[in-house]
């Protein structure tokens, strides 16, 4: 559990009208370990005769393994990828697929949504999701993709696309205005059986890139052809990377964007990639 500046929260304080103490306050300390300094206690007890506050430490509230076990007990059938402590004492991140949830040590409460750093206004959940979905570009099997190079090809993207995806066609219209780029298209037929047929015919064409563009930009139906394809391999890869829709764009730095970007947004994103 990460160390933090002492924070204290009175859990139970009972006083009489004349300020004599009936029950001492319980205080939650976030100091973190046995070497921590004594907690500073904000007391509502009322006078110098107040009894000492009881101090509880978050040091041993729960291990990630214990939180996982408790979560699985409360929510059987949900596959947990990982459980890690957050920077906030007593709060744990639970990764389910490519989503994150938050819970307390006893899994009494679940938060599904964005965790915001109130001081910096940073969406910590969005940052974490971007980290989790990052794909090492060099690890992609680019030989299983259709390659197109414009200009010097210095900027690279890989895109998972379905031939019948309207947003994918919109992306190709946008890409007409982008220069100095290499586009790797992983045919990812998930929308219908016809998508699989079209993807096969495009892959088996003599000029895959030209046939792909003719269909996506001009609506020219590819000729019926048969050959060995990487379509099943692409589907397995996409499932592994948690691709749940098309287009899914992977940039050279490993970051991802789901959906078609307008030209100005795409150019800004490409410019930001180091």
Protein backbone atom coordinates (compact mmCIF):
# COMPACT_ATOMS: atom_id res chain seq x y z
CA UNK A 1 0.00 0.00 0.00
CA UNK A 2 1.57 3.33 -1.00
CA UNK A 3 2.41 5.81 1.71
CA UNK A 4 0.34 8.95 1.95
CA UNK A 5 0.02 12.05 4.05
CA UNK A 6 -1.91 11.25 7.18
CA UNK A 7 -5.66 11.50 6.73
CA UNK A 8 -8.05 10.82 9.55
CA UNK A 9 -11.76 10.22 9.59
CA UNK A 10 -13.77 10.03 12.81
CA UNK A 11 -15.83 6.86 12.56
CA UNK A 12 -17.72 7.10 15.83
CA UNK A 13 -17.80 9.91 18.33
CA UNK A 14 -20.38 10.06 21.08
CA UNK A 15 -20.49 13.00 23.46
CA UNK A 16 -22.88 14.16 26.10
CA UNK A 17 -24.18 17.70 26.29
CA UNK A 18 -21.56 18.59 28.91
CA UNK A 19 -18.78 17.33 26.63
CA UNK A 20 -17.84 14.31 28.73
CA UNK A 21 -16.76 11.46 26.49
CA UNK A 22 -18.78 8.26 26.41
CA UNK A 23 -16.96 6.52 23.53
CA UNK A 24 -13.52 7.30 22.06
CA UNK A 25 -13.28 8.18 18.36
CA UNK A 26 -12.14 5.55 15.87
CA UNK A 27 -9.65 6.99 13.40
CA UNK A 28 -8.57 5.53 10.06
CA UNK A 29 -4.89 6.13 9.44
CA UNK A 30 -3.37 6.09 5.95
CA UNK A 31 0.21 6.15 7.16
CA UNK A 32 0.85 2.78 5.56
CA UNK A 33 3.22 0.72 7.71
CA UNK A 34 4.60 0.02 11.13
CA UNK A 35 7.23 2.74 10.69
CA UNK A 36 4.64 5.45 10.16
CA UNK A 37 4.47 8.49 12.38
CA UNK A 38 1.53 8.72 14.78
CA UNK A 39 -1.64 9.89 13.07
CA UNK A 40 -2.74 13.46 13.62
CA UNK A 41 -6.27 13.19 14.97
CA UNK A 42 -8.99 15.69 14.26
CA UNK A 43 -11.20 15.28 17.32
CA UNK A 44 -14.75 16.42 17.83
CA UNK A 45 -14.61 15.26 21.43
CA UNK A 46 -14.92 18.74 22.84
CA UNK A 47 -12.39 19.29 25.64
CA UNK A 48 -9.08 18.40 27.19
CA UNK A 49 -10.59 15.42 28.98
CA UNK A 50 -11.20 13.54 25.73
CA UNK A 51 -10.05 9.94 25.74
CA UNK A 52 -7.30 8.97 23.28
CA UNK A 53 -8.57 8.10 19.81
CA UNK A 54 -8.30 4.52 18.60
CA UNK A 55 -6.15 4.39 15.46
CA UNK A 56 -6.74 1.83 12.74
CA UNK A 57 -4.10 1.32 10.05
CA UNK A 58 -4.80 0.46 6.43
CA UNK A 59 -1.51 -1.44 6.21
CA UNK A 60 -3.05 -4.90 6.33
CA UNK A 61 -6.61 -4.25 5.18
CA UNK A 62 -6.29 -6.85 2.38
CA UNK A 63 -3.85 -8.17 -0.17
CA UNK A 64 -4.75 -8.13 -3.86
CA UNK A 65 -5.10 -11.92 -3.66
CA UNK A 66 -7.63 -11.58 -0.85
CA UNK A 67 -9.57 -8.95 -2.76
CA UNK A 68 -9.62 -11.22 -5.81
CA UNK A 69 -10.96 -14.11 -3.76
CA UNK A 70 -13.66 -11.95 -2.20
CA UNK A 71 -14.64 -10.54 -5.59
CA UNK A 72 -14.88 -13.99 -7.15
CA UNK A 73 -17.03 -15.15 -4.23
CA UNK A 74 -19.44 -12.24 -4.61
CA UNK A 75 -19.46 -12.31 -8.41
CA UNK A 76 -18.97 -15.93 -9.53
CA UNK A 77 -18.32 -16.42 -13.22
CA UNK A 78 -16.65 -13.06 -13.81
CA UNK A 79 -13.09 -13.59 -15.01
CA UNK A 80 -10.64 -11.27 -13.29
CA UNK A 81 -7.44 -10.38 -15.13
CA UNK A 82 -5.71 -8.62 -12.24
CA UNK A 83 -6.22 -6.84 -8.93
CA UNK A 84 -3.85 -4.02 -7.94
CA UNK A 85 -3.90 -1.38 -5.19
CA UNK A 86 -4.59 2.16 -6.35
CA UNK A 87 -2.76 5.21 -5.04
CA UNK A 88 -5.68 5.68 -2.65
CA UNK A 89 -5.44 3.67 0.58
CA UNK A 90 -8.02 0.92 0.85
CA UNK A 91 -9.15 1.20 -2.79
CA UNK A 92 -8.30 -1.53 -5.30
CA UNK A 93 -8.48 -1.70 -9.08
CA UNK A 94 -10.09 -4.83 -10.51
CA UNK A 95 -9.41 -5.49 -14.18
CA UNK A 96 -12.18 -7.41 -15.96
CA UNK A 97 -11.31 -7.92 -19.61
CA UNK A 98 -10.15 -4.49 -20.80
CA UNK A 99 -12.35 -2.66 -18.30
CA UNK A 100 -11.50 -1.58 -14.76
CA UNK A 101 -13.67 -1.45 -11.66
CA UNK A 102 -12.85 -0.21 -8.18
CA UNK A 103 -13.64 -1.80 -4.85
CA UNK A 104 -12.81 -1.63 -1.16
CA UNK A 105 -10.82 -4.23 0.77
CA UNK A 106 -13.92 -6.26 1.66
CA UNK A 107 -15.60 -5.90 -1.75
CA UNK A 108 -18.58 -4.32 -0.02
CA UNK A 109 -18.80 -1.62 -2.69
CA UNK A 110 -18.10 -1.51 -6.43
CA UNK A 111 -17.44 1.64 -8.44
CA UNK A 112 -17.88 1.43 -12.20
CA UNK A 113 -16.90 4.65 -13.89
CA UNK A 114 -14.15 7.23 -13.98
CA UNK A 115 -11.84 7.90 -11.06
CA UNK A 116 -10.81 11.56 -11.22
CA UNK A 117 -7.88 13.27 -9.54
CA UNK A 118 -9.72 16.28 -8.16
CA UNK A 119 -6.58 18.44 -7.90
CA UNK A 120 -5.21 17.89 -11.39
CA UNK A 121 -8.56 17.12 -13.05
CA UNK A 122 -6.93 14.07 -14.64
CA UNK A 123 -9.14 11.11 -15.52
CA UNK A 124 -7.10 8.34 -13.92
CA UNK A 125 -9.36 5.64 -15.31
CA UNK A 126 -8.88 6.85 -18.87
CA UNK A 127 -5.11 6.92 -18.35
CA UNK A 128 -5.20 3.37 -17.00
CA UNK A 129 -7.36 2.08 -19.85
CA UNK A 130 -5.00 3.61 -22.39
CA UNK A 131 -2.13 1.83 -20.67
CA UNK A 132 -3.99 -1.50 -20.63
CA UNK A 133 -4.98 -1.33 -24.30
CA UNK A 134 -1.54 -0.34 -25.56
CA UNK A 135 -0.21 -2.73 -28.21
CA UNK A 136 3.50 -3.09 -29.00
CA UNK A 137 3.40 -2.23 -32.71
CA UNK A 138 6.42 -4.41 -33.49
CA UNK A 139 4.57 -7.43 -32.11
CA UNK A 140 1.83 -7.25 -34.75
CA UNK A 141 2.05 -9.91 -37.51
CA UNK A 142 2.15 -7.33 -40.31
CA UNK A 143 2.58 -10.00 -43.01
CA UNK A 144 -1.07 -10.89 -42.33
CA UNK A 145 -2.21 -7.37 -43.20
CA UNK A 146 -2.78 -5.49 -46.46
CA UNK A 147 -0.03 -2.87 -46.74
CA UNK A 148 -0.47 0.52 -48.39
CA UNK A 149 2.18 3.26 -48.51
CA UNK A 150 1.58 6.93 -49.29
CA UNK A 151 4.41 9.45 -49.67
CA UNK A 152 7.43 8.45 -47.64
CA UNK A 153 5.33 6.13 -45.43
CA UNK A 154 7.06 7.41 -42.32
CA UNK A 155 3.92 7.40 -40.15
CA UNK A 156 2.42 4.00 -39.44
CA UNK A 157 -0.96 2.70 -38.35
CA UNK A 158 -2.54 -0.73 -38.22
CA UNK A 159 -6.31 -0.98 -38.57
CA UNK A 160 -8.69 -3.86 -37.87
CA UNK A 161 -11.48 -3.54 -40.43
CA UNK A 162 -14.59 -5.35 -41.63
CA UNK A 163 -15.36 -5.01 -45.36
CA UNK A 164 -18.99 -4.15 -44.56
CA UNK A 165 -18.18 -1.58 -41.87
CA UNK A 166 -19.56 1.85 -42.72
CA UNK A 167 -17.22 3.64 -40.33
CA UNK A 168 -14.26 1.85 -41.93
CA UNK A 169 -15.31 3.26 -45.29
CA UNK A 170 -15.51 6.69 -43.70
CA UNK A 171 -11.96 6.24 -42.39
CA UNK A 172 -10.75 5.44 -45.92
CA UNK A 173 -12.32 8.65 -47.19
CA UNK A 174 -10.36 10.48 -44.49
CA UNK A 175 -7.12 8.67 -45.34
CA UNK A 176 -7.33 10.06 -48.88
CA UNK A 177 -6.27 13.37 -47.35
CA UNK A 178 -3.36 11.99 -45.32
CA UNK A 179 0.16 11.83 -46.77
CA UNK A 180 3.40 10.14 -45.65
CA UNK A 181 1.68 7.20 -44.04
CA UNK A 182 1.82 3.42 -44.11
CA UNK A 183 -1.47 1.66 -43.41
CA UNK A 184 -1.62 -2.00 -42.45
CA UNK A 185 -5.16 -3.38 -42.74
CA UNK A 186 -6.02 -6.51 -40.79
CA UNK A 187 -9.14 -7.95 -42.39
CA UNK A 188 -11.41 -8.61 -39.43
CA UNK A 189 -14.78 -9.97 -40.67
CA UNK A 190 -17.13 -9.88 -37.69
CA UNK A 191 -20.33 -8.28 -38.98
CA UNK A 192 -21.82 -11.01 -41.19
CA UNK A 193 -21.00 -14.15 -43.21
CA UNK A 194 -20.78 -11.88 -46.26
CA UNK A 195 -17.96 -10.03 -44.55
CA UNK A 196 -15.96 -13.25 -44.46
CA UNK A 197 -16.62 -13.90 -48.15
CA UNK A 198 -15.59 -10.39 -49.18
CA UNK A 199 -12.51 -10.47 -46.95
CA UNK A 200 -11.44 -13.78 -48.51
CA UNK A 201 -11.96 -12.50 -52.05
CA UNK A 202 -10.00 -9.33 -51.34
CA UNK A 203 -7.11 -11.21 -49.74
CA UNK A 204 -6.94 -13.66 -52.62
CA UNK A 205 -6.90 -10.91 -55.29
CA UNK A 206 -3.72 -10.36 -57.29
CA UNK A 207 -3.53 -6.76 -56.10
CA UNK A 208 -4.99 -6.80 -52.59
CA UNK A 209 -4.54 -3.09 -51.88
CA UNK A 210 -6.18 -2.00 -55.14
CA UNK A 211 -9.06 -4.46 -54.69
CA UNK A 212 -9.57 -3.34 -51.10
CA UNK A 213 -9.64 0.34 -52.04
CA UNK A 214 -11.94 -0.31 -55.00
CA UNK A 215 -14.47 -1.93 -52.66
CA UNK A 216 -14.14 0.49 -49.73
CA UNK A 217 -14.07 3.70 -51.78
CA UNK A 218 -15.96 2.84 -54.97
CA UNK A 219 -18.16 -0.11 -54.03
CA UNK A 220 -16.66 -2.43 -56.66
CA UNK A 221 -17.46 -5.97 -55.51
CA UNK A 222 -14.35 -8.20 -55.54
CA UNK A 223 -14.34 -11.27 -57.77
CA UNK A 224 -14.97 -14.68 -56.22
CA UNK A 225 -11.63 -16.29 -55.39
CA UNK A 226 -10.30 -18.97 -53.06
CA UNK A 227 -6.92 -19.24 -51.41
CA UNK A 228 -5.35 -19.65 -48.00
CA UNK A 229 -6.07 -16.59 -45.84
CA UNK A 230 -5.04 -15.25 -42.42
CA UNK A 231 -8.65 -14.39 -41.52
CA UNK A 232 -8.96 -16.85 -38.65
CA UNK A 233 -5.56 -15.79 -37.34
CA UNK A 234 -6.69 -12.16 -37.49
CA UNK A 235 -9.85 -12.98 -35.54
CA UNK A 236 -7.82 -14.72 -32.85
CA UNK A 237 -5.44 -11.76 -32.69
CA UNK A 238 -8.30 -9.30 -32.44
CA UNK A 239 -9.95 -11.22 -29.62
CA UNK A 240 -6.63 -11.35 -27.79
CA UNK A 241 -6.29 -7.58 -28.12
CA UNK A 242 -9.92 -7.09 -27.05
CA UNK A 243 -10.93 -5.58 -30.40
CA UNK A 244 -14.70 -5.30 -30.07
CA UNK A 245 -15.58 -3.20 -33.08
CA UNK A 246 -14.25 -1.76 -36.31
CA UNK A 247 -12.35 0.21 -37.21
CA UNK A 248 -9.84 -0.22 -34.40
CA UNK A 249 -6.71 1.83 -35.06
CA UNK A 250 -3.33 1.02 -33.51
CA UNK A 251 -0.68 3.73 -33.75
CA UNK A 252 3.09 3.26 -33.88
CA UNK A 253 3.46 4.10 -30.17
CA UNK A 254 1.01 1.34 -29.28
CA UNK A 255 -1.89 3.64 -28.43
CA UNK A 256 -5.32 2.85 -29.80
CA UNK A 257 -8.43 4.62 -31.02
CA UNK A 258 -11.72 2.88 -31.60
CA UNK A 259 -13.73 4.31 -34.48
CA UNK A 260 -13.12 6.57 -37.45
CA UNK A 261 -11.39 9.88 -36.73
CA UNK A 262 -12.03 13.05 -38.74
CA UNK A 263 -9.04 14.36 -40.67
CA UNK A 264 -7.97 17.06 -38.20
CA UNK A 265 -8.17 14.67 -35.23
CA UNK A 266 -6.26 11.97 -37.10
CA UNK A 267 -3.52 14.41 -38.09
CA UNK A 268 -3.20 15.63 -34.49
CA UNK A 269 -2.95 12.08 -33.23
CA UNK A 270 -0.31 11.15 -35.82
CA UNK A 271 1.68 14.27 -34.95
CA UNK A 272 1.62 13.36 -31.25
CA UNK A 273 3.09 9.90 -31.80
CA UNK A 274 6.77 9.81 -30.97
